[in-house]
């Protein structure tokens, strides 16, 4: 009986998925613009989808990217989702600390 081989990716590769520049920038910016904490989840989803699409397109045209996405490459959705939520919360919290509304 043949069992499929599960690919192994070192932790450093998993961590790089959390440092996607599009994910960071968009989650922080939209988190900053969110006026209610409940919108942070929506911000994280938007940042996740945008970063995955940009990573997929850039990988497809051959541009080097910190966490590439492709048919034979890992997507690391759990890492990207957690990172998007963390960055969105940081953006939301930073807005409340740095520029509180009257």
PDB file of N, CA and C in Angstrom:
ATOM      1  N   UNK A   1       0.841  -1.166   0.000  1.00  0.00           N
ATOM      2  CA  UNK A   1       0.000   0.000   0.000  1.00  0.00           C
ATOM      3  C   UNK A   1       0.897   1.245   0.000  1.00  0.00           C
ATOM      4  N   UNK A   2       0.676   2.119  -0.950  1.00  0.00           N
ATOM      5  CA  UNK A   2       1.446   3.356  -1.030  1.00  0.00           C
ATOM      6  C   UNK A   2       0.769   4.445  -0.213  1.00  0.00           C
ATOM      7  N   UNK A   3       1.542   5.059   0.629  1.00  0.00           N
ATOM      8  CA  UNK A   3       1.055   6.190   1.406  1.00  0.00           C
ATOM      9  C   UNK A   3       1.660   7.451   0.827  1.00  0.00           C
ATOM     10  N   UNK A   4       0.875   8.498   0.730  1.00  0.00           N
ATOM     11  CA  UNK A   4       1.441   9.735   0.190  1.00  0.00           C
ATOM     12  C   UNK A   4       2.492  10.309   1.138  1.00  0.00           C
ATOM     13  N   UNK A   5       3.498  10.887   0.555  1.00  0.00           N
ATOM     14  CA  UNK A   5       4.549  11.516   1.347  1.00  0.00           C
ATOM     15  C   UNK A   5       4.120  12.935   1.692  1.00  0.00           C
ATOM     16  N   UNK A   6       4.148  13.246   2.945  1.00  0.00           N
ATOM     17  CA  UNK A   6       3.794  14.585   3.391  1.00  0.00           C
ATOM     18  C   UNK A   6       5.055  15.442   3.355  1.00  0.00           C
ATOM     19  N   UNK A   7       5.003  16.563   2.633  1.00  0.00           N
ATOM     20  CA  UNK A   7       6.209  17.389   2.567  1.00  0.00           C
ATOM     21  C   UNK A   7       6.504  18.041   3.915  1.00  0.00           C
ATOM     22  N   UNK A   8       7.767  18.223   4.167  1.00  0.00           N
ATOM     23  CA  UNK A   8       8.199  18.877   5.406  1.00  0.00           C
ATOM     24  C   UNK A   8       8.759  20.247   5.063  1.00  0.00           C
ATOM     25  N   UNK A   9       8.295  21.244   5.761  1.00  0.00           N
ATOM     26  CA  UNK A   9       8.810  22.595   5.592  1.00  0.00           C
ATOM     27  C   UNK A   9       9.337  23.052   6.948  1.00  0.00           C
ATOM     28  N   UNK A  10      10.563  23.542   6.989  1.00  0.00           N
ATOM     29  CA  UNK A  10      11.126  23.971   8.270  1.00  0.00           C
ATOM     30  C   UNK A  10      10.365  25.166   8.842  1.00  0.00           C
ATOM     31  N   UNK A  11      10.454  25.357  10.151  1.00  0.00           N
ATOM     32  CA  UNK A  11       9.733  26.474  10.784  1.00  0.00           C
ATOM     33  C   UNK A  11      10.080  27.840  10.204  1.00  0.00           C
ATOM     34  N   UNK A  12      11.281  28.012   9.714  1.00  0.00           N
ATOM     35  CA  UNK A  12      11.666  29.307   9.140  1.00  0.00           C
ATOM     36  C   UNK A  12      10.797  29.640   7.921  1.00  0.00           C
ATOM     37  N   UNK A  13      10.422  28.637   7.153  1.00  0.00           N
ATOM     38  CA  UNK A  13       9.564  28.859   5.988  1.00  0.00           C
ATOM     39  C   UNK A  13       8.151  29.229   6.433  1.00  0.00           C
ATOM     40  N   UNK A  14       7.673  28.599   7.491  1.00  0.00           N
ATOM     41  CA  UNK A  14       6.348  28.935   8.017  1.00  0.00           C
ATOM     42  C   UNK A  14       6.313  30.377   8.522  1.00  0.00           C
ATOM     43  N   UNK A  15       7.374  30.775   9.188  1.00  0.00           N
ATOM     44  CA  UNK A  15       7.423  32.128   9.744  1.00  0.00           C
ATOM     45  C   UNK A  15       7.453  33.183   8.645  1.00  0.00           C
ATOM     46  N   UNK A  16       8.110  32.880   7.521  1.00  0.00           N
ATOM     47  CA  UNK A  16       8.169  33.848   6.423  1.00  0.00           C
ATOM     48  C   UNK A  16       6.781  34.180   5.883  1.00  0.00           C
ATOM     49  N   UNK A  17       5.848  33.240   5.975  1.00  0.00           N
ATOM     50  CA  UNK A  17       4.485  33.504   5.511  1.00  0.00           C
ATOM     51  C   UNK A  17       3.823  34.608   6.334  1.00  0.00           C
ATOM     52  N   UNK A  18       4.232  34.755   7.568  1.00  0.00           N
ATOM     53  CA  UNK A  18       3.666  35.797   8.430  1.00  0.00           C
ATOM     54  C   UNK A  18       4.246  37.175   8.125  1.00  0.00           C
ATOM     55  N   UNK A  19       5.342  37.221   7.390  1.00  0.00           N
ATOM     56  CA  UNK A  19       5.989  38.497   7.091  1.00  0.00           C
ATOM     57  C   UNK A  19       5.810  38.902   5.631  1.00  0.00           C
ATOM     58  N   UNK A  20       4.664  38.570   5.069  1.00  0.00           N
ATOM     59  CA  UNK A  20       4.320  38.986   3.717  1.00  0.00           C
ATOM     60  C   UNK A  20       4.082  40.499   3.745  1.00  0.00           C
ATOM     61  N   UNK A  21       4.817  41.273   2.931  1.00  0.00           N
ATOM     62  CA  UNK A  21       4.685  42.735   2.975  1.00  0.00           C
ATOM     63  C   UNK A  21       3.273  43.240   2.664  1.00  0.00           C
ATOM     64  N   UNK A  22       2.587  42.606   1.738  1.00  0.00           N
ATOM     65  CA  UNK A  22       1.220  43.025   1.415  1.00  0.00           C
ATOM     66  C   UNK A  22       0.299  42.760   2.593  1.00  0.00           C
ATOM     67  N   UNK A  23       0.451  41.630   3.219  1.00  0.00           N
ATOM     68  CA  UNK A  23      -0.360  41.270   4.379  1.00  0.00           C
ATOM     69  C   UNK A  23      -0.146  42.275   5.515  1.00  0.00           C
ATOM     70  N   UNK A  24       1.101  42.572   5.799  1.00  0.00           N
ATOM     71  CA  UNK A  24       1.415  43.500   6.884  1.00  0.00           C
ATOM     72  C   UNK A  24       0.863  44.888   6.593  1.00  0.00           C
ATOM     73  N   UNK A  25       1.185  45.415   5.421  1.00  0.00           N
ATOM     74  CA  UNK A  25       0.767  46.777   5.084  1.00  0.00           C
ATOM     75  C   UNK A  25      -0.734  46.951   5.050  1.00  0.00           C
ATOM     76  N   UNK A  26      -1.418  46.032   4.403  1.00  0.00           N
ATOM     77  CA  UNK A  26      -2.867  46.165   4.278  1.00  0.00           C
ATOM     78  C   UNK A  26      -3.576  45.950   5.610  1.00  0.00           C
ATOM     79  N   UNK A  27      -3.146  44.973   6.383  1.00  0.00           N
ATOM     80  CA  UNK A  27      -3.793  44.721   7.681  1.00  0.00           C
ATOM     81  C   UNK A  27      -3.576  45.887   8.637  1.00  0.00           C
ATOM     82  N   UNK A  28      -2.362  46.430   8.665  1.00  0.00           N
ATOM     83  CA  UNK A  28      -2.108  47.574   9.544  1.00  0.00           C
ATOM     84  C   UNK A  28      -2.907  48.800   9.113  1.00  0.00           C
ATOM     85  N   UNK A  29      -2.920  49.077   7.816  1.00  0.00           N
ATOM     86  CA  UNK A  29      -3.635  50.256   7.314  1.00  0.00           C
ATOM     87  C   UNK A  29      -5.140  50.140   7.555  1.00  0.00           C
ATOM     88  N   UNK A  30      -5.713  49.005   7.163  1.00  0.00           N
ATOM     89  CA  UNK A  30      -7.152  48.850   7.341  1.00  0.00           C
ATOM     90  C   UNK A  30      -7.527  48.714   8.818  1.00  0.00           C
ATOM     91  N   UNK A  31      -6.642  48.108   9.616  1.00  0.00           N
ATOM     92  CA  UNK A  31      -6.877  48.066  11.055  1.00  0.00           C
ATOM     93  C   UNK A  31      -6.887  49.467  11.655  1.00  0.00           C
ATOM     94  N   UNK A  32      -6.007  50.323  11.154  1.00  0.00           N
ATOM     95  CA  UNK A  32      -5.946  51.719  11.595  1.00  0.00           C
ATOM     96  C   UNK A  32      -7.246  52.442  11.240  1.00  0.00           C
ATOM     97  N   UNK A  33      -7.805  52.159  10.074  1.00  0.00           N
ATOM     98  CA  UNK A  33      -9.014  52.835   9.607  1.00  0.00           C
ATOM     99  C   UNK A  33     -10.298  52.278  10.215  1.00  0.00           C
ATOM    100  N   UNK A  34     -10.252  51.082  10.803  1.00  0.00           N
ATOM    101  CA  UNK A  34     -11.460  50.473  11.375  1.00  0.00           C
ATOM    102  C   UNK A  34     -11.963  51.309  12.549  1.00  0.00           C
ATOM    103  N   UNK A  35     -13.257  51.560  12.574  1.00  0.00           N
ATOM    104  CA  UNK A  35     -13.815  52.370  13.654  1.00  0.00           C
ATOM    105  C   UNK A  35     -14.494  51.534  14.745  1.00  0.00           C
ATOM    106  N   UNK A  36     -14.595  50.224  14.528  1.00  0.00           N
ATOM    107  CA  UNK A  36     -15.154  49.324  15.527  1.00  0.00           C
ATOM    108  C   UNK A  36     -14.292  48.067  15.584  1.00  0.00           C
ATOM    109  N   UNK A  37     -14.167  47.504  16.778  1.00  0.00           N
ATOM    110  CA  UNK A  37     -13.302  46.333  16.917  1.00  0.00           C
ATOM    111  C   UNK A  37     -13.819  45.140  16.122  1.00  0.00           C
ATOM    112  N   UNK A  38     -15.116  45.032  15.946  1.00  0.00           N
ATOM    113  CA  UNK A  38     -15.687  43.932  15.176  1.00  0.00           C
ATOM    114  C   UNK A  38     -15.239  43.930  13.727  1.00  0.00           C
ATOM    115  N   UNK A  39     -14.879  45.087  13.209  1.00  0.00           N
ATOM    116  CA  UNK A  39     -14.422  45.181  11.822  1.00  0.00           C
ATOM    117  C   UNK A  39     -13.003  44.651  11.641  1.00  0.00           C
ATOM    118  N   UNK A  40     -12.312  44.417  12.734  1.00  0.00           N
ATOM    119  CA  UNK A  40     -10.938  43.907  12.655  1.00  0.00           C
ATOM    120  C   UNK A  40     -10.921  42.528  12.001  1.00  0.00           C
ATOM    121  N   UNK A  41     -11.928  41.709  12.252  1.00  0.00           N
ATOM    122  CA  UNK A  41     -11.998  40.389  11.629  1.00  0.00           C
ATOM    123  C   UNK A  41     -12.167  40.534  10.114  1.00  0.00           C
ATOM    124  N   UNK A  42     -13.019  41.459   9.686  1.00  0.00           N
ATOM    125  CA  UNK A  42     -13.184  41.702   8.253  1.00  0.00           C
ATOM    126  C   UNK A  42     -11.892  42.220   7.630  1.00  0.00           C
ATOM    127  N   UNK A  43     -11.216  43.093   8.343  1.00  0.00           N
ATOM    128  CA  UNK A  43      -9.933  43.614   7.875  1.00  0.00           C
ATOM    129  C   UNK A  43      -8.937  42.473   7.682  1.00  0.00           C
ATOM    130  N   UNK A  44      -8.893  41.560   8.629  1.00  0.00           N
ATOM    131  CA  UNK A  44      -7.965  40.431   8.536  1.00  0.00           C
ATOM    132  C   UNK A  44      -8.292  39.556   7.333  1.00  0.00           C
ATOM    133  N   UNK A  45      -9.563  39.323   7.074  1.00  0.00           N
ATOM    134  CA  UNK A  45      -9.956  38.508   5.920  1.00  0.00           C
ATOM    135  C   UNK A  45      -9.577  39.202   4.621  1.00  0.00           C
ATOM    136  N   UNK A  46      -9.827  40.491   4.524  1.00  0.00           N
ATOM    137  CA  UNK A  46      -9.482  41.245   3.321  1.00  0.00           C
ATOM    138  C   UNK A  46      -7.976  41.231   3.097  1.00  0.00           C
ATOM    139  N   UNK A  47      -7.206  41.459   4.145  1.00  0.00           N
ATOM    140  CA  UNK A  47      -5.751  41.447   4.020  1.00  0.00           C
ATOM    141  C   UNK A  47      -5.246  40.068   3.626  1.00  0.00           C
ATOM    142  N   UNK A  48      -5.831  39.020   4.171  1.00  0.00           N
ATOM    143  CA  UNK A  48      -5.436  37.651   3.833  1.00  0.00           C
ATOM    144  C   UNK A  48      -5.693  37.359   2.356  1.00  0.00           C
ATOM    145  N   UNK A  49      -6.880  37.666   1.885  1.00  0.00           N
ATOM    146  CA  UNK A  49      -7.229  37.391   0.487  1.00  0.00           C
ATOM    147  C   UNK A  49      -6.337  38.200  -0.456  1.00  0.00           C
ATOM    148  N   UNK A  50      -6.143  39.474  -0.153  1.00  0.00           N
ATOM    149  CA  UNK A  50      -5.303  40.314  -1.010  1.00  0.00           C
ATOM    150  C   UNK A  50      -3.863  39.812  -1.044  1.00  0.00           C
ATOM    151  N   UNK A  51      -3.318  39.437   0.100  1.00  0.00           N
ATOM    152  CA  UNK A  51      -1.925  38.988   0.128  1.00  0.00           C
ATOM    153  C   UNK A  51      -1.756  37.664  -0.599  1.00  0.00           C
ATOM    154  N   UNK A  52      -2.740  36.778  -0.484  1.00  0.00           N
ATOM    155  CA  UNK A  52      -2.670  35.498  -1.192  1.00  0.00           C
ATOM    156  C   UNK A  52      -2.728  35.730  -2.704  1.00  0.00           C
ATOM    157  N   UNK A  53      -3.628  36.608  -3.144  1.00  0.00           N
ATOM    158  CA  UNK A  53      -3.727  36.883  -4.578  1.00  0.00           C
ATOM    159  C   UNK A  53      -2.459  37.528  -5.127  1.00  0.00           C
ATOM    160  N   UNK A  54      -1.921  38.506  -4.409  1.00  0.00           N
ATOM    161  CA  UNK A  54      -0.690  39.162  -4.859  1.00  0.00           C
ATOM    162  C   UNK A  54       0.473  38.172  -4.868  1.00  0.00           C
ATOM    163  N   UNK A  55       0.585  37.361  -3.836  1.00  0.00           N
ATOM    164  CA  UNK A  55       1.656  36.361  -3.778  1.00  0.00           C
ATOM    165  C   UNK A  55       1.526  35.360  -4.912  1.00  0.00           C
ATOM    166  N   UNK A  56       0.311  34.949  -5.214  1.00  0.00           N
ATOM    167  CA  UNK A  56       0.075  33.987  -6.281  1.00  0.00           C
ATOM    168  C   UNK A  56       0.451  34.570  -7.640  1.00  0.00           C
ATOM    169  N   UNK A  57       0.045  35.815  -7.886  1.00  0.00           N
ATOM    170  CA  UNK A  57       0.367  36.464  -9.166  1.00  0.00           C
ATOM    171  C   UNK A  57       1.875  36.665  -9.299  1.00  0.00           C
ATOM    172  N   UNK A  58       2.515  37.172  -8.246  1.00  0.00           N
ATOM    173  CA  UNK A  58       3.956  37.417  -8.319  1.00  0.00           C
ATOM    174  C   UNK A  58       4.742  36.116  -8.479  1.00  0.00           C
ATOM    175  N   UNK A  59       4.317  35.069  -7.810  1.00  0.00           N
ATOM    176  CA  UNK A  59       4.974  33.772  -7.972  1.00  0.00           C
ATOM    177  C   UNK A  59       4.763  33.249  -9.390  1.00  0.00           C
ATOM    178  N   UNK A  60       3.583  33.471  -9.928  1.00  0.00           N
ATOM    179  CA  UNK A  60       3.268  33.012 -11.275  1.00  0.00           C
ATOM    180  C   UNK A  60       4.113  33.674 -12.357  1.00  0.00           C
ATOM    181  N   UNK A  61       4.455  34.951 -12.146  1.00  0.00           N
ATOM    182  CA  UNK A  61       5.271  35.639 -13.156  1.00  0.00           C
ATOM    183  C   UNK A  61       6.764  35.543 -12.854  1.00  0.00           C
ATOM    184  N   UNK A  62       7.108  34.880 -11.755  1.00  0.00           N
ATOM    185  CA  UNK A  62       8.512  34.604 -11.468  1.00  0.00           C
ATOM    186  C   UNK A  62       9.224  35.609 -10.592  1.00  0.00           C
ATOM    187  N   UNK A  63       8.483  36.492  -9.931  1.00  0.00           N
ATOM    188  CA  UNK A  63       9.102  37.479  -9.030  1.00  0.00           C
ATOM    189  C   UNK A  63       9.386  36.806  -7.688  1.00  0.00           C
ATOM    190  N   UNK A  64      10.607  36.928  -7.170  1.00  0.00           N
ATOM    191  CA  UNK A  64      10.885  36.340  -5.852  1.00  0.00           C
ATOM    192  C   UNK A  64      10.027  37.006  -4.773  1.00  0.00           C
ATOM    193  N   UNK A  65       9.488  36.194  -3.875  1.00  0.00           N
ATOM    194  CA  UNK A  65       8.587  36.699  -2.837  1.00  0.00           C
ATOM    195  C   UNK A  65       8.880  35.950  -1.547  1.00  0.00           C
ATOM    196  N   UNK A  66       8.743  36.599  -0.387  1.00  0.00           N
ATOM    197  CA  UNK A  66       9.077  35.925   0.879  1.00  0.00           C
ATOM    198  C   UNK A  66       8.315  34.626   1.108  1.00  0.00           C
ATOM    199  N   UNK A  67       7.052  34.606   0.765  1.00  0.00           N
ATOM    200  CA  UNK A  67       6.242  33.397   0.957  1.00  0.00           C
ATOM    201  C   UNK A  67       5.463  33.129  -0.320  1.00  0.00           C
ATOM    202  N   UNK A  68       6.091  32.498  -1.304  1.00  0.00           N
ATOM    203  CA  UNK A  68       5.421  32.285  -2.591  1.00  0.00           C
ATOM    204  C   UNK A  68       4.281  31.282  -2.481  1.00  0.00           C
ATOM    205  N   UNK A  69       3.322  31.416  -3.380  1.00  0.00           N
ATOM    206  CA  UNK A  69       2.188  30.508  -3.445  1.00  0.00           C
ATOM    207  C   UNK A  69       2.120  29.961  -4.865  1.00  0.00           C
ATOM    208  N   UNK A  70       1.972  28.665  -4.976  1.00  0.00           N
ATOM    209  CA  UNK A  70       1.850  28.036  -6.283  1.00  0.00           C
ATOM    210  C   UNK A  70       1.234  26.660  -6.146  1.00  0.00           C
ATOM    211  N   UNK A  71       1.061  26.011  -7.280  1.00  0.00           N
ATOM    212  CA  UNK A  71       0.436  24.686  -7.273  1.00  0.00           C
ATOM    213  C   UNK A  71       1.235  23.692  -6.452  1.00  0.00           C
ATOM    214  N   UNK A  72       2.545  23.708  -6.583  1.00  0.00           N
ATOM    215  CA  UNK A  72       3.384  22.761  -5.851  1.00  0.00           C
ATOM    216  C   UNK A  72       4.043  23.387  -4.623  1.00  0.00           C
ATOM    217  N   UNK A  73       3.636  24.583  -4.274  1.00  0.00           N
ATOM    218  CA  UNK A  73       4.192  25.274  -3.102  1.00  0.00           C
ATOM    219  C   UNK A  73       3.145  25.349  -1.993  1.00  0.00           C
ATOM    220  N   UNK A  74       3.566  25.447  -0.754  1.00  0.00           N
ATOM    221  CA  UNK A  74       2.603  25.528   0.353  1.00  0.00           C
ATOM    222  C   UNK A  74       1.936  26.901   0.420  1.00  0.00           C
ATOM    223  N   UNK A  75       0.748  26.942   0.979  1.00  0.00           N
ATOM    224  CA  UNK A  75       0.039  28.211   1.108  1.00  0.00           C
ATOM    225  C   UNK A  75       0.147  28.794   2.508  1.00  0.00           C
ATOM    226  N   UNK A  76       0.308  27.959   3.503  1.00  0.00           N
ATOM    227  CA  UNK A  76       0.438  28.390   4.896  1.00  0.00           C
ATOM    228  C   UNK A  76      -0.739  29.258   5.339  1.00  0.00           C
ATOM    229  N   UNK A  77      -1.950  28.843   5.005  1.00  0.00           N
ATOM    230  CA  UNK A  77      -3.123  29.626   5.387  1.00  0.00           C
ATOM    231  C   UNK A  77      -3.271  29.822   6.890  1.00  0.00           C
ATOM    232  N   UNK A  78      -2.990  28.839   7.739  1.00  0.00           N
ATOM    233  CA  UNK A  78      -3.126  29.104   9.181  1.00  0.00           C
ATOM    234  C   UNK A  78      -2.192  30.210   9.669  1.00  0.00           C
ATOM    235  N   UNK A  79      -0.969  30.215   9.168  1.00  0.00           N
ATOM    236  CA  UNK A  79      -0.004  31.238   9.578  1.00  0.00           C
ATOM    237  C   UNK A  79      -0.428  32.598   9.047  1.00  0.00           C
ATOM    238  N   UNK A  80      -0.815  32.654   7.797  1.00  0.00           N
ATOM    239  CA  UNK A  80      -1.235  33.925   7.197  1.00  0.00           C
ATOM    240  C   UNK A  80      -2.489  34.483   7.874  1.00  0.00           C
ATOM    241  N   UNK A  81      -3.429  33.608   8.218  1.00  0.00           N
ATOM    242  CA  UNK A  81      -4.660  34.056   8.870  1.00  0.00           C
ATOM    243  C   UNK A  81      -4.367  34.620  10.255  1.00  0.00           C
ATOM    244  N   UNK A  82      -3.566  33.904  11.023  1.00  0.00           N
ATOM    245  CA  UNK A  82      -3.197  34.397  12.355  1.00  0.00           C
ATOM    246  C   UNK A  82      -2.431  35.705  12.286  1.00  0.00           C
ATOM    247  N   UNK A  83      -1.502  35.797  11.341  1.00  0.00           N
ATOM    248  CA  UNK A  83      -0.712  37.024  11.190  1.00  0.00           C
ATOM    249  C   UNK A  83      -1.610  38.189  10.772  1.00  0.00           C
ATOM    250  N   UNK A  84      -2.547  37.949   9.858  1.00  0.00           N
ATOM    251  CA  UNK A  84      -3.454  39.016   9.419  1.00  0.00           C
ATOM    252  C   UNK A  84      -4.274  39.541  10.590  1.00  0.00           C
ATOM    253  N   UNK A  85      -4.758  38.647  11.425  1.00  0.00           N
ATOM    254  CA  UNK A  85      -5.543  39.074  12.578  1.00  0.00           C
ATOM    255  C   UNK A  85      -4.690  39.853  13.578  1.00  0.00           C
ATOM    256  N   UNK A  86      -3.477  39.383  13.818  1.00  0.00           N
ATOM    257  CA  UNK A  86      -2.575  40.077  14.752  1.00  0.00           C
ATOM    258  C   UNK A  86      -2.227  41.469  14.237  1.00  0.00           C
ATOM    259  N   UNK A  87      -1.877  41.582  12.949  1.00  0.00           N
ATOM    260  CA  UNK A  87      -1.522  42.898  12.393  1.00  0.00           C
ATOM    261  C   UNK A  87      -2.724  43.834  12.381  1.00  0.00           C
ATOM    262  N   UNK A  88      -3.915  43.317  12.117  1.00  0.00           N
ATOM    263  CA  UNK A  88      -5.109  44.163  12.135  1.00  0.00           C
ATOM    264  C   UNK A  88      -5.394  44.672  13.547  1.00  0.00           C
ATOM    265  N   UNK A  89      -5.213  43.821  14.534  1.00  0.00           N
ATOM    266  CA  UNK A  89      -5.407  44.248  15.929  1.00  0.00           C
ATOM    267  C   UNK A  89      -4.362  45.289  16.319  1.00  0.00           C
ATOM    268  N   UNK A  90      -3.132  45.095  15.872  1.00  0.00           N
ATOM    269  CA  UNK A  90      -2.077  46.079  16.160  1.00  0.00           C
ATOM    270  C   UNK A  90      -2.429  47.423  15.533  1.00  0.00           C
ATOM    271  N   UNK A  91      -2.886  47.416  14.273  1.00  0.00           N
ATOM    272  CA  UNK A  91      -3.279  48.665  13.618  1.00  0.00           C
ATOM    273  C   UNK A  91      -4.439  49.341  14.324  1.00  0.00           C
ATOM    274  N   UNK A  92      -5.435  48.560  14.698  1.00  0.00           N
ATOM    275  CA  UNK A  92      -6.600  49.104  15.408  1.00  0.00           C
ATOM    276  C   UNK A  92      -6.178  49.691  16.757  1.00  0.00           C
ATOM    277  N   UNK A  93      -5.352  48.966  17.491  1.00  0.00           N
ATOM    278  CA  UNK A  93      -4.914  49.422  18.812  1.00  0.00           C
ATOM    279  C   UNK A  93      -4.016  50.646  18.717  1.00  0.00           C
ATOM    280  N   UNK A  94      -3.152  50.663  17.715  1.00  0.00           N
ATOM    281  CA  UNK A  94      -2.248  51.812  17.552  1.00  0.00           C
ATOM    282  C   UNK A  94      -3.038  53.084  17.296  1.00  0.00           C
ATOM    283  N   UNK A  95      -4.100  52.988  16.527  1.00  0.00           N
ATOM    284  CA  UNK A  95      -4.937  54.165  16.257  1.00  0.00           C
ATOM    285  C   UNK A  95      -5.560  54.687  17.549  1.00  0.00           C
ATOM    286  N   UNK A  96      -5.974  53.780  18.421  1.00  0.00           N
ATOM    287  CA  UNK A  96      -6.621  54.182  19.675  1.00  0.00           C
ATOM    288  C   UNK A  96      -5.625  54.808  20.646  1.00  0.00           C
ATOM    289  N   UNK A  97      -4.364  54.406  20.555  1.00  0.00           N
ATOM    290  CA  UNK A  97      -3.335  54.935  21.462  1.00  0.00           C
ATOM    291  C   UNK A  97      -2.720  56.219  20.923  1.00  0.00           C
ATOM    292  N   UNK A  98      -2.361  56.214  19.644  1.00  0.00           N
ATOM    293  CA  UNK A  98      -1.647  57.348  19.056  1.00  0.00           C
ATOM    294  C   UNK A  98      -2.574  58.503  18.736  1.00  0.00           C
ATOM    295  N   UNK A  99      -3.694  58.220  18.129  1.00  0.00           N
ATOM    296  CA  UNK A  99      -4.613  59.301  17.709  1.00  0.00           C
ATOM    297  C   UNK A  99      -6.022  59.006  18.185  1.00  0.00           C
ATOM    298  N   UNK A 100      -6.261  59.108  19.497  1.00  0.00           N
ATOM    299  CA  UNK A 100      -7.622  58.839  19.983  1.00  0.00           C
ATOM    300  C   UNK A 100      -8.604  59.900  19.489  1.00  0.00           C
ATOM    301  N   UNK A 101      -9.814  59.471  19.246  1.00  0.00           N
ATOM    302  CA  UNK A 101     -10.837  60.404  18.783  1.00  0.00           C
ATOM    303  C   UNK A 101     -11.488  61.077  19.986  1.00  0.00           C
ATOM    304  N   UNK A 102     -11.909  62.297  19.780  1.00  0.00           N
ATOM    305  CA  UNK A 102     -12.499  63.060  20.881  1.00  0.00           C
ATOM    306  C   UNK A 102     -13.884  62.600  21.229  1.00  0.00           C
TER     307      UNK A 102
END
